[in-house]
Amino acid sequence: PTDTPRPAPTFTPEPTRTPTPVVVACSYSVNSSFANTYQSFQAQLGCPTDNAWTTWSAKESFDKGYMFWQETTDKIFVLYNSGNWARYDDIWVEGEPEFSCGTQQSPPTPKRGFGKIWCTKSGVQQGLGYATAGESGEDTTMQAFANGFIWQTSLGRYILFNDGTWRRQ
């Protein structure tokens, strides 16, 4: 008998399957004024964890960043131009001296709650530099998300991520 050559097996690849996107239903809606910002940062922020709210806030600009205070939580937020941020309890108590250190002039030295954080928390003074304007107050709007929050102030819109970084829009 003679050997009949067998044809080589052929390989037919399976069709590529496109995964079906998973739509995550969020329990809260994004505030309409934050819709465009949220669209840009949705993957990083995750779902809203609450409705947006308006709160009284104070702000002060520095050589290398900003300080914000939020009445609802009584927290001070330090935003460094490096793109990092930190949050502190407001440790200044009514009746204490307005200036915790530095010159008795604002600016360049912040006073009250901002000044106490600037003077006592390691790295804050070096990270921010001197105040470039005095502290002022205003109503601001915020919304919390699973991985950060969006904060609208008269200085701009800030997106603060839970990893300690922030962006301004």
Protein backbone atom coordinates (compact mmCIF):
# COMPACT_ATOMS: atom_id res chain seq x y z
CA PRO A 1 0.00 0.00 0.00
CA THR A 2 1.05 3.53 -0.59
CA ASP A 3 0.90 6.30 1.97
CA THR A 4 -1.54 8.97 1.07
CA PRO A 5 -0.43 12.31 2.47
CA ARG A 6 -2.88 13.73 4.91
CA PRO A 7 -3.78 17.37 4.61
CA ALA A 8 -2.44 19.57 7.41
CA PRO A 9 -5.05 20.51 9.95
CA THR A 10 -6.42 24.00 9.54
CA PHE A 11 -6.93 26.42 12.39
CA THR A 12 -10.00 28.57 12.40
CA PRO A 13 -9.76 31.27 15.03
CA GLU A 14 -12.83 31.97 17.08
CA PRO A 15 -14.40 35.32 16.43
CA THR A 16 -13.27 38.05 18.79
CA ARG A 17 -15.95 38.77 21.32
CA THR A 18 -16.46 42.29 22.48
CA PRO A 19 -17.27 42.28 26.16
CA THR A 20 -20.64 43.68 27.00
CA PRO A 21 -20.15 46.86 29.01
CA VAL A 22 -21.45 46.67 32.53
CA VAL A 23 -23.67 49.58 33.38
CA VAL A 24 -23.42 50.50 37.02
CA ALA A 25 -26.56 52.01 38.45
CA CYS A 26 -25.74 54.75 40.92
CA SER A 27 -28.08 55.39 43.84
CA TYR A 28 -27.70 59.19 43.55
CA SER A 29 -27.71 61.49 40.54
CA VAL A 30 -24.87 63.79 39.65
CA ASN A 31 -25.70 67.45 40.23
CA SER A 32 -26.54 68.91 36.81
CA SER A 33 -23.95 71.70 37.20
CA PHE A 34 -21.25 69.00 37.67
CA ALA A 35 -22.36 66.81 34.72
CA ASN A 36 -19.53 67.76 32.32
CA THR A 37 -16.89 67.50 35.02
CA TYR A 38 -18.23 64.15 36.15
CA GLN A 39 -18.22 62.87 32.59
CA SER A 40 -14.49 63.67 32.38
CA PHE A 41 -13.62 62.01 35.70
CA GLN A 42 -16.33 59.35 36.12
CA ALA A 43 -13.93 56.39 36.03
CA GLN A 44 -11.80 57.94 38.79
CA LEU A 45 -14.65 59.28 40.95
CA GLY A 46 -17.12 56.40 40.83
CA CYS A 47 -20.77 56.87 41.75
CA PRO A 48 -22.11 59.78 43.80
CA THR A 49 -22.60 58.78 47.44
CA ASP A 50 -24.97 61.64 48.26
CA ASN A 51 -26.82 64.52 46.66
CA ALA A 52 -24.92 67.78 46.16
CA TRP A 53 -25.15 70.33 48.96
CA THR A 54 -24.36 74.00 49.49
CA THR A 55 -22.18 74.95 52.44
CA TRP A 56 -20.52 78.06 53.81
CA SER A 57 -16.80 77.98 53.09
CA ALA A 58 -13.73 80.13 53.60
CA LYS A 59 -10.84 80.31 51.16
CA GLU A 60 -7.37 81.77 51.04
CA SER A 61 -4.79 81.80 48.25
CA PHE A 62 -1.09 81.16 48.86
CA ASP A 63 2.12 81.34 46.82
CA LYS A 64 1.93 77.59 46.17
CA GLY A 65 -1.69 76.57 46.68
CA TYR A 66 -4.94 77.17 48.54
CA MET A 67 -6.66 76.57 51.85
CA PHE A 68 -10.39 75.98 52.11
CA TRP A 69 -12.58 75.49 55.17
CA GLN A 70 -15.96 73.82 54.94
CA GLU A 71 -18.57 74.58 57.61
CA THR A 72 -20.55 71.34 57.25
CA THR A 73 -17.61 69.16 58.35
CA ASP A 74 -15.45 71.83 60.09
CA LYS A 75 -12.47 70.60 58.05
CA ILE A 76 -9.64 72.52 56.45
CA PHE A 77 -8.46 71.40 53.02
CA VAL A 78 -4.95 72.24 51.85
CA LEU A 79 -4.42 72.05 48.09
CA TYR A 80 -0.81 72.23 46.98
CA ASN A 81 0.14 73.35 43.46
CA SER A 82 2.04 70.05 43.23
CA GLY A 83 -1.34 68.35 42.70
CA ASN A 84 -1.60 66.86 46.21
CA TRP A 85 -4.04 67.76 48.95
CA ALA A 86 -4.60 67.07 52.66
CA ARG A 87 -7.53 67.46 55.06
CA TYR A 88 -7.26 68.58 58.70
CA ASP A 89 -9.66 69.11 61.57
CA ASP A 90 -10.11 72.82 62.31
CA ILE A 91 -8.24 72.97 65.64
CA TRP A 92 -8.50 76.73 66.20
CA VAL A 93 -10.85 77.59 69.08
CA GLU A 94 -12.72 80.88 69.48
CA GLY A 95 -10.88 83.02 72.03
CA GLU A 96 -7.39 81.88 70.99
CA PRO A 97 -5.08 84.48 69.39
CA GLU A 98 -5.97 85.14 65.77
CA PHE A 99 -2.34 84.58 64.72
CA SER A 100 -0.66 81.32 65.77
CA CYS A 101 2.77 82.35 64.45
CA GLY A 102 4.49 84.75 62.08
CA THR A 103 3.74 88.42 61.62
CA GLN A 104 0.51 89.92 62.87
CA GLN A 105 -0.48 90.71 59.31
CA SER A 106 -2.69 88.81 56.90
CA PRO A 107 -1.41 88.35 54.27
CA PRO A 108 1.35 87.01 54.40
CA THR A 109 0.45 85.09 57.55
CA PRO A 110 -2.93 83.33 57.62
CA LYS A 111 -4.99 83.69 60.77
CA ARG A 112 -7.47 81.74 62.90
CA GLY A 113 -8.08 78.16 61.65
CA PHE A 114 -5.96 78.51 58.53
CA GLY A 115 -3.13 80.01 60.54
CA LYS A 116 -3.19 77.29 63.18
CA ILE A 117 -2.88 74.56 60.53
CA TRP A 118 -0.24 76.57 58.61
CA CYS A 119 1.80 77.09 61.80
CA THR A 120 1.46 73.68 63.49
CA LYS A 121 1.09 70.95 60.86
CA SER A 122 4.39 69.70 59.50
CA GLY A 123 5.08 70.67 55.91
CA VAL A 124 2.03 72.89 55.38
CA GLN A 125 3.86 76.23 55.65
CA GLN A 126 6.69 75.04 53.41
CA GLY A 127 4.25 73.49 50.95
CA LEU A 128 2.02 76.55 50.60
CA GLY A 129 4.36 79.49 51.12
CA TYR A 130 2.84 82.77 52.25
CA ALA A 131 -0.74 83.94 51.86
CA THR A 132 -1.24 86.17 48.82
CA ALA A 133 -4.67 87.45 49.83
CA GLY A 134 -6.73 87.60 52.99
CA GLU A 135 -9.27 84.95 53.90
CA SER A 136 -12.80 85.38 52.51
CA GLY A 137 -16.06 83.46 52.79
CA GLU A 138 -18.70 82.29 50.34
CA ASP A 139 -21.34 79.66 49.67
CA THR A 140 -19.90 76.71 47.75
CA THR A 141 -21.42 73.57 46.27
CA MET A 142 -20.04 70.07 46.84
CA GLN A 143 -20.89 66.52 45.93
CA ALA A 144 -19.26 63.39 47.35
CA PHE A 145 -18.41 60.35 45.23
CA ALA A 146 -17.09 56.88 46.03
CA ASN A 147 -13.51 58.00 45.28
CA GLY A 148 -13.50 61.73 45.99
CA PHE A 149 -15.63 64.80 45.50
CA ILE A 150 -16.26 67.84 43.35
CA TRP A 151 -16.21 71.27 44.96
CA GLN A 152 -17.33 74.47 43.19
CA THR A 153 -15.91 77.72 44.57
CA SER A 154 -15.50 81.21 43.14
CA LEU A 155 -11.85 80.28 42.42
CA GLY A 156 -12.89 77.37 40.23
CA ARG A 157 -14.09 73.79 40.30
CA TYR A 158 -11.90 71.35 42.21
CA ILE A 159 -11.93 67.58 41.86
CA LEU A 160 -10.36 65.97 44.94
CA PHE A 161 -9.57 62.27 44.69
CA ASN A 162 -9.30 59.94 47.68
CA ASP A 163 -5.73 59.07 46.62
CA GLY A 164 -4.63 62.56 47.77
CA THR A 165 -4.47 64.19 44.33
CA TRP A 166 -6.61 66.97 42.90
CA ARG A 167 -7.39 68.70 39.62
CA ARG A 168 -8.90 72.08 38.84
CA GLN A 169 -11.35 72.65 36.05
